[in-house]
PDB file of all heavy atoms in Angstrom:
ATOM      1  N   GLN A   1      -7.735  36.796  11.919  1.00  0.00           N
ATOM      2  CA  GLN A   1      -6.846  35.654  12.102  1.00  0.00           C
ATOM      3  C   GLN A   1      -7.632  34.334  12.133  1.00  0.00           C
ATOM      4  O   GLN A   1      -7.187  33.346  11.535  1.00  0.00           O
ATOM      5  CB  GLN A   1      -6.051  35.843  13.410  1.00  0.00           C
ATOM      6  CG  GLN A   1      -4.970  36.878  13.297  1.00  0.00           C
ATOM      7  CD  GLN A   1      -4.303  37.167  14.618  1.00  0.00           C
ATOM      8  OE1 GLN A   1      -3.115  36.904  14.782  1.00  0.00           O
ATOM      9  NE2 GLN A   1      -5.028  37.726  15.568  1.00  0.00           N
ATOM     10  N   LEU A   2      -8.753  34.304  12.814  1.00  0.00           N
ATOM     11  CA  LEU A   2      -9.538  33.072  12.864  1.00  0.00           C
ATOM     12  C   LEU A   2     -10.034  32.685  11.487  1.00  0.00           C
ATOM     13  O   LEU A   2     -10.241  31.512  11.185  1.00  0.00           O
ATOM     14  CB  LEU A   2     -10.702  33.219  13.851  1.00  0.00           C
ATOM     15  CG  LEU A   2     -10.280  33.336  15.324  1.00  0.00           C
ATOM     16  CD1 LEU A   2     -11.494  33.562  16.215  1.00  0.00           C
ATOM     17  CD2 LEU A   2      -9.514  32.105  15.794  1.00  0.00           C
ATOM     18  N   ALA A   3     -10.219  33.694  10.619  1.00  0.00           N
ATOM     19  CA  ALA A   3     -10.635  33.410   9.243  1.00  0.00           C
ATOM     20  C   ALA A   3      -9.505  32.778   8.424  1.00  0.00           C
ATOM     21  O   ALA A   3      -9.769  32.121   7.402  1.00  0.00           O
ATOM     22  CB  ALA A   3     -11.100  34.695   8.549  1.00  0.00           C
ATOM     23  N   LEU A   4      -8.257  32.944   8.861  1.00  0.00           N
ATOM     24  CA  LEU A   4      -7.117  32.561   8.033  1.00  0.00           C
ATOM     25  C   LEU A   4      -6.222  31.467   8.630  1.00  0.00           C
ATOM     26  O   LEU A   4      -5.372  30.912   7.916  1.00  0.00           O
ATOM     27  CB  LEU A   4      -6.247  33.788   7.749  1.00  0.00           C
ATOM     28  CG  LEU A   4      -6.903  34.858   6.857  1.00  0.00           C
ATOM     29  CD1 LEU A   4      -6.080  36.140   6.913  1.00  0.00           C
ATOM     30  CD2 LEU A   4      -7.021  34.340   5.422  1.00  0.00           C
ATOM     31  N   LEU A   5      -6.380  31.138   9.908  1.00  0.00           N
ATOM     32  CA  LEU A   5      -5.451  30.174  10.538  1.00  0.00           C
ATOM     33  C   LEU A   5      -5.375  28.843   9.805  1.00  0.00           C
ATOM     34  O   LEU A   5      -4.267  28.319   9.607  1.00  0.00           O
ATOM     35  CB  LEU A   5      -5.865  29.953  11.990  1.00  0.00           C
ATOM     36  CG  LEU A   5      -5.673  31.096  12.985  1.00  0.00           C
ATOM     37  CD1 LEU A   5      -6.064  30.671  14.383  1.00  0.00           C
ATOM     38  CD2 LEU A   5      -4.234  31.634  12.970  1.00  0.00           C
ATOM     39  N   PRO A   6      -6.504  28.217   9.395  1.00  0.00           N
ATOM     40  CA  PRO A   6      -6.373  26.918   8.721  1.00  0.00           C
ATOM     41  C   PRO A   6      -5.578  26.999   7.431  1.00  0.00           C
ATOM     42  O   PRO A   6      -4.771  26.095   7.132  1.00  0.00           O
ATOM     43  CB  PRO A   6      -7.834  26.520   8.478  1.00  0.00           C
ATOM     44  CG  PRO A   6      -8.604  27.245   9.541  1.00  0.00           C
ATOM     45  CD  PRO A   6      -7.918  28.548   9.665  1.00  0.00           C
ATOM     46  N   LEU A   7      -5.796  28.057   6.635  1.00  0.00           N
ATOM     47  CA  LEU A   7      -5.046  28.199   5.390  1.00  0.00           C
ATOM     48  C   LEU A   7      -3.562  28.482   5.672  1.00  0.00           C
ATOM     49  O   LEU A   7      -2.696  27.993   4.953  1.00  0.00           O
ATOM     50  CB  LEU A   7      -5.634  29.325   4.546  1.00  0.00           C
ATOM     51  CG  LEU A   7      -7.000  29.037   3.896  1.00  0.00           C
ATOM     52  CD1 LEU A   7      -7.556  30.286   3.242  1.00  0.00           C
ATOM     53  CD2 LEU A   7      -6.884  27.895   2.875  1.00  0.00           C
ATOM     54  N   ALA A   8      -3.288  29.250   6.712  1.00  0.00           N
ATOM     55  CA  ALA A   8      -1.897  29.503   7.082  1.00  0.00           C
ATOM     56  C   ALA A   8      -1.218  28.205   7.490  1.00  0.00           C
ATOM     57  O   ALA A   8      -0.091  27.929   7.067  1.00  0.00           O
ATOM     58  CB  ALA A   8      -1.830  30.519   8.215  1.00  0.00           C
ATOM     59  N   LYS A   9      -1.863  27.427   8.343  1.00  0.00           N
ATOM     60  CA  LYS A   9      -1.291  26.170   8.815  1.00  0.00           C
ATOM     61  C   LYS A   9      -1.006  25.231   7.650  1.00  0.00           C
ATOM     62  O   LYS A   9      -0.025  24.460   7.647  1.00  0.00           O
ATOM     63  CB  LYS A   9      -2.226  25.517   9.814  1.00  0.00           C
ATOM     64  CG  LYS A   9      -1.659  24.287  10.501  1.00  0.00           C
ATOM     65  CD  LYS A   9      -0.548  24.643  11.465  1.00  0.00           C
ATOM     66  CE  LYS A   9      -0.071  23.442  12.268  1.00  0.00           C
ATOM     67  NZ  LYS A   9       1.063  23.761  13.136  1.00  0.00           N
ATOM     68  N   ALA A  10      -1.870  25.268   6.616  1.00  0.00           N
ATOM     69  CA  ALA A  10      -1.708  24.401   5.435  1.00  0.00           C
ATOM     70  C   ALA A  10      -0.795  25.032   4.380  1.00  0.00           C
ATOM     71  O   ALA A  10      -0.624  24.472   3.310  1.00  0.00           O
ATOM     72  CB  ALA A  10      -3.074  24.107   4.824  1.00  0.00           C
ATOM     73  N   ASP A  11      -0.232  26.204   4.688  1.00  0.00           N
ATOM     74  CA  ASP A  11       0.650  26.946   3.759  1.00  0.00           C
ATOM     75  C   ASP A  11      -0.052  27.214   2.430  1.00  0.00           C
ATOM     76  O   ASP A  11       0.505  27.016   1.366  1.00  0.00           O
ATOM     77  CB  ASP A  11       1.954  26.156   3.535  1.00  0.00           C
ATOM     78  CG  ASP A  11       3.058  27.043   2.986  1.00  0.00           C
ATOM     79  OD1 ASP A  11       2.948  28.295   3.082  1.00  0.00           O
ATOM     80  OD2 ASP A  11       4.036  26.486   2.437  1.00  0.00           O
ATOM     81  N   ARG A  12      -1.297  27.734   2.525  1.00  0.00           N
ATOM     82  CA  ARG A  12      -2.086  28.042   1.331  1.00  0.00           C
ATOM     83  C   ARG A  12      -2.427  29.517   1.243  1.00  0.00           C
ATOM     84  O   ARG A  12      -3.400  29.894   0.595  1.00  0.00           O
ATOM     85  CB  ARG A  12      -3.392  27.216   1.357  1.00  0.00           C
ATOM     86  CG  ARG A  12      -3.177  25.717   1.316  1.00  0.00           C
ATOM     87  CD  ARG A  12      -2.831  25.233  -0.068  1.00  0.00           C
ATOM     88  NE  ARG A  12      -2.734  23.793  -0.130  1.00  0.00           N
ATOM     89  CZ  ARG A  12      -2.757  23.077  -1.256  1.00  0.00           C
ATOM     90  NH1 ARG A  12      -2.861  23.707  -2.395  1.00  0.00           N
ATOM     91  NH2 ARG A  12      -2.647  21.772  -1.224  1.00  0.00           N
ATOM     92  N   LEU A  13      -1.667  30.338   1.877  1.00  0.00           N
ATOM     93  CA  LEU A  13      -1.945  31.767   1.844  1.00  0.00           C
ATOM     94  C   LEU A  13      -1.373  32.411   0.586  1.00  0.00           C
ATOM     95  O   LEU A  13      -0.351  31.968   0.055  1.00  0.00           O
ATOM     96  CB  LEU A  13      -1.349  32.468   3.068  1.00  0.00           C
ATOM     97  CG  LEU A  13      -1.941  32.136   4.425  1.00  0.00           C
ATOM     98  CD1 LEU A  13      -1.161  32.867   5.521  1.00  0.00           C
ATOM     99  CD2 LEU A  13      -3.412  32.487   4.485  1.00  0.00           C
ATOM    100  N   GLY A  14      -2.006  33.489   0.168  1.00  0.00           N
ATOM    101  CA  GLY A  14      -1.486  34.325  -0.906  1.00  0.00           C
ATOM    102  C   GLY A  14      -1.781  35.778  -0.564  1.00  0.00           C
ATOM    103  O   GLY A  14      -1.753  36.161   0.603  1.00  0.00           O
ATOM    104  N   GLU A  15      -2.064  36.584  -1.562  1.00  0.00           N
ATOM    105  CA  GLU A  15      -2.471  37.961  -1.333  1.00  0.00           C
ATOM    106  C   GLU A  15      -3.852  37.948  -0.677  1.00  0.00           C
ATOM    107  O   GLU A  15      -4.773  37.306  -1.171  1.00  0.00           O
ATOM    108  CB  GLU A  15      -2.526  38.725  -2.666  1.00  0.00           C
ATOM    109  CG  GLU A  15      -2.730  40.196  -2.542  1.00  0.00           C
ATOM    110  CD  GLU A  15      -1.423  40.965  -2.313  1.00  0.00           C
ATOM    111  OE1 GLU A  15      -0.359  40.327  -2.172  1.00  0.00           O
ATOM    112  OE2 GLU A  15      -1.482  42.209  -2.283  1.00  0.00           O
ATOM    113  N   ILE A  16      -4.008  38.666   0.459  1.00  0.00           N
ATOM    114  CA  ILE A  16      -5.234  38.600   1.270  1.00  0.00           C
ATOM    115  C   ILE A  16      -5.981  39.912   1.177  1.00  0.00           C
ATOM    116  O   ILE A  16      -5.389  40.988   1.291  1.00  0.00           O
ATOM    117  CB  ILE A  16      -4.878  38.288   2.728  1.00  0.00           C
ATOM    118  CG1 ILE A  16      -4.183  36.933   2.843  1.00  0.00           C
ATOM    119  CG2 ILE A  16      -6.125  38.336   3.610  1.00  0.00           C
ATOM    120  CD1 ILE A  16      -3.473  36.716   4.178  1.00  0.00           C
ATOM    121  N   HIS A  17      -7.298  39.800   0.950  1.00  0.00           N
ATOM    122  CA  HIS A  17      -8.149  41.002   0.875  1.00  0.00           C
ATOM    123  C   HIS A  17      -9.242  40.891   1.940  1.00  0.00           C
ATOM    124  O   HIS A  17      -9.894  39.848   2.061  1.00  0.00           O
ATOM    125  CB  HIS A  17      -8.786  41.088  -0.504  1.00  0.00           C
ATOM    126  CG  HIS A  17      -7.772  41.123  -1.631  1.00  0.00           C
ATOM    127  ND1 HIS A  17      -7.245  42.300  -2.109  1.00  0.00           N
ATOM    128  CD2 HIS A  17      -7.185  40.115  -2.322  1.00  0.00           C
ATOM    129  CE1 HIS A  17      -6.364  42.030  -3.057  1.00  0.00           C
ATOM    130  NE2 HIS A  17      -6.309  40.703  -3.212  1.00  0.00           N
ATOM    131  N   VAL A  18      -9.415  41.962   2.715  1.00  0.00           N
ATOM    132  CA  VAL A  18     -10.366  41.970   3.826  1.00  0.00           C
ATOM    133  C   VAL A  18     -11.144  43.269   3.827  1.00  0.00           C
ATOM    134  O   VAL A  18     -10.558  44.352   3.733  1.00  0.00           O
ATOM    135  CB  VAL A  18      -9.659  41.832   5.197  1.00  0.00           C
ATOM    136  CG1 VAL A  18     -10.696  41.726   6.311  1.00  0.00           C
ATOM    137  CG2 VAL A  18      -8.706  40.651   5.199  1.00  0.00           C
ATOM    138  N   THR A  19     -12.458  43.151   3.954  1.00  0.00           N
ATOM    139  CA  THR A  19     -13.295  44.268   4.339  1.00  0.00           C
ATOM    140  C   THR A  19     -13.957  43.902   5.661  1.00  0.00           C
ATOM    141  O   THR A  19     -14.560  42.829   5.760  1.00  0.00           O
ATOM    142  CB  THR A  19     -14.364  44.589   3.293  1.00  0.00           C
ATOM    143  OG1 THR A  19     -13.740  44.888   2.052  1.00  0.00           O
ATOM    144  CG2 THR A  19     -15.211  45.792   3.701  1.00  0.00           C
ATOM    145  N   GLY A  20     -13.806  44.759   6.660  1.00  0.00           N
ATOM    146  CA  GLY A  20     -14.372  44.447   7.981  1.00  0.00           C
ATOM    147  C   GLY A  20     -15.205  45.612   8.491  1.00  0.00           C
ATOM    148  O   GLY A  20     -14.823  46.767   8.322  1.00  0.00           O
ATOM    149  N   ILE A  21     -16.322  45.283   9.109  1.00  0.00           N
ATOM    150  CA  ILE A  21     -17.200  46.316   9.673  1.00  0.00           C
ATOM    151  C   ILE A  21     -17.336  46.066  11.166  1.00  0.00           C
ATOM    152  O   ILE A  21     -17.505  44.923  11.600  1.00  0.00           O
ATOM    153  CB  ILE A  21     -18.571  46.332   8.974  1.00  0.00           C
ATOM    154  CG1 ILE A  21     -19.433  47.487   9.510  1.00  0.00           C
ATOM    155  CG2 ILE A  21     -19.294  45.000   9.081  1.00  0.00           C
ATOM    156  CD1 ILE A  21     -20.669  47.754   8.666  1.00  0.00           C
ATOM    157  N   THR A  22     -17.215  47.139  11.960  1.00  0.00           N
ATOM    158  CA  THR A  22     -17.225  47.000  13.405  1.00  0.00           C
ATOM    159  C   THR A  22     -18.210  47.940  14.073  1.00  0.00           C
ATOM    160  O   THR A  22     -18.543  48.995  13.524  1.00  0.00           O
ATOM    161  CB  THR A  22     -15.808  47.265  13.983  1.00  0.00           C
ATOM    162  OG1 THR A  22     -15.802  47.003  15.394  1.00  0.00           O
ATOM    163  CG2 THR A  22     -15.371  48.693  13.723  1.00  0.00           C
ATOM    164  N   GLY A  23     -18.663  47.549  15.240  1.00  0.00           N
ATOM    165  CA  GLY A  23     -19.577  48.369  16.040  1.00  0.00           C
ATOM    166  C   GLY A  23     -18.885  49.537  16.711  1.00  0.00           C
ATOM    167  O   GLY A  23     -17.652  49.554  16.858  1.00  0.00           O
ATOM    168  N   SER A  24     -19.674  50.475  17.178  1.00  0.00           N
ATOM    169  CA  SER A  24     -19.121  51.725  17.738  1.00  0.00           C
ATOM    170  C   SER A  24     -18.378  51.515  19.046  1.00  0.00           C
ATOM    171  O   SER A  24     -17.508  52.311  19.399  1.00  0.00           O
ATOM    172  CB  SER A  24     -20.251  52.741  17.944  1.00  0.00           C
ATOM    173  OG  SER A  24     -21.247  52.228  18.802  1.00  0.00           O
ATOM    174  N   THR A  25     -18.686  50.449  19.796  1.00  0.00           N
ATOM    175  CA  THR A  25     -17.974  50.206  21.041  1.00  0.00           C
ATOM    176  C   THR A  25     -16.492  49.900  20.814  1.00  0.00           C
ATOM    177  O   THR A  25     -15.686  50.005  21.728  1.00  0.00           O
ATOM    178  CB  THR A  25     -18.598  49.051  21.829  1.00  0.00           C
ATOM    179  OG1 THR A  25     -18.689  47.896  20.968  1.00  0.00           O
ATOM    180  CG2 THR A  25     -19.980  49.417  22.345  1.00  0.00           C
ATOM    181  N   GLY A  26     -16.133  49.514  19.581  1.00  0.00           N
ATOM    182  CA  GLY A  26     -14.724  49.267  19.270  1.00  0.00           C
ATOM    183  C   GLY A  26     -13.866  50.507  19.390  1.00  0.00           C
ATOM    184  O   GLY A  26     -12.653  50.419  19.510  1.00  0.00           O
ATOM    185  N   ALA A  27     -14.500  51.695  19.370  1.00  0.00           N
ATOM    186  CA  ALA A  27     -13.754  52.955  19.470  1.00  0.00           C
ATOM    187  C   ALA A  27     -13.554  53.376  20.913  1.00  0.00           C
ATOM    188  O   ALA A  27     -12.926  54.400  21.190  1.00  0.00           O
ATOM    189  CB  ALA A  27     -14.496  54.063  18.719  1.00  0.00           C
ATOM    190  N   GLY A  28     -14.057  52.593  21.871  1.00  0.00           N
ATOM    191  CA  GLY A  28     -13.898  52.938  23.294  1.00  0.00           C
ATOM    192  C   GLY A  28     -14.981  53.843  23.797  1.00  0.00           C
ATOM    193  O   GLY A  28     -15.817  54.366  23.052  1.00  0.00           O
ATOM    194  N   GLN A  29     -14.953  54.058  25.135  1.00  0.00           N
ATOM    195  CA  GLN A  29     -16.028  54.797  25.795  1.00  0.00           C
ATOM    196  C   GLN A  29     -15.859  56.325  25.702  1.00  0.00           C
ATOM    197  O   GLN A  29     -16.832  57.065  25.765  1.00  0.00           O
ATOM    198  CB  GLN A  29     -16.108  54.376  27.252  1.00  0.00           C
ATOM    199  CG  GLN A  29     -17.372  54.855  27.971  1.00  0.00           C
ATOM    200  CD  GLN A  29     -17.425  54.311  29.376  1.00  0.00           C
ATOM    201  OE1 GLN A  29     -16.455  54.351  30.114  1.00  0.00           O
ATOM    202  NE2 GLN A  29     -18.585  53.797  29.777  1.00  0.00           N
ATOM    203  N   LYS A  30     -14.629  56.796  25.551  1.00  0.00           N
ATOM    204  CA  LYS A  30     -14.393  58.237  25.509  1.00  0.00           C
ATOM    205  C   LYS A  30     -15.037  58.816  24.254  1.00  0.00           C
ATOM    206  O   LYS A  30     -14.767  58.372  23.140  1.00  0.00           O
ATOM    207  CB  LYS A  30     -12.898  58.533  25.507  1.00  0.00           C
ATOM    208  CG  LYS A  30     -12.570  60.009  25.599  1.00  0.00           C
ATOM    209  CD  LYS A  30     -11.066  60.234  25.669  1.00  0.00           C
ATOM    210  CE  LYS A  30     -10.744  61.716  25.786  1.00  0.00           C
ATOM    211  NZ  LYS A  30      -9.275  61.966  25.874  1.00  0.00           N
ATOM    212  N   PRO A  31     -15.906  59.824  24.381  1.00  0.00           N
ATOM    213  CA  PRO A  31     -16.617  60.374  23.218  1.00  0.00           C
ATOM    214  C   PRO A  31     -15.655  60.947  22.194  1.00  0.00           C
ATOM    215  O   PRO A  31     -14.662  61.601  22.516  1.00  0.00           O
ATOM    216  CB  PRO A  31     -17.493  61.473  23.831  1.00  0.00           C
ATOM    217  CG  PRO A  31     -17.618  61.113  25.273  1.00  0.00           C
ATOM    218  CD  PRO A  31     -16.334  60.459  25.646  1.00  0.00           C
ATOM    219  N   GLN A  32     -15.976  60.661  20.928  1.00  0.00           N
ATOM    220  CA  GLN A  32     -15.251  61.199  19.807  1.00  0.00           C
ATOM    221  C   GLN A  32     -16.254  61.662  18.759  1.00  0.00           C
ATOM    222  O   GLN A  32     -17.438  61.296  18.811  1.00  0.00           O
ATOM    223  CB  GLN A  32     -14.326  60.134  19.177  1.00  0.00           C
ATOM    224  CG  GLN A  32     -13.336  59.508  20.133  1.00  0.00           C
ATOM    225  CD  GLN A  32     -12.579  58.366  19.492  1.00  0.00           C
ATOM    226  OE1 GLN A  32     -12.069  58.496  18.379  1.00  0.00           O
ATOM    227  NE2 GLN A  32     -12.509  57.239  20.187  1.00  0.00           N
TER     228      GLN A  32
END
């Protein structure tokens, strides 16, 4: 969202493509 808010506010959005990589803590503490 922080990557897109200015374009959204300016009504300049179109088809959006995102690749995101996250650290292991994003999965929580319970082992998986």
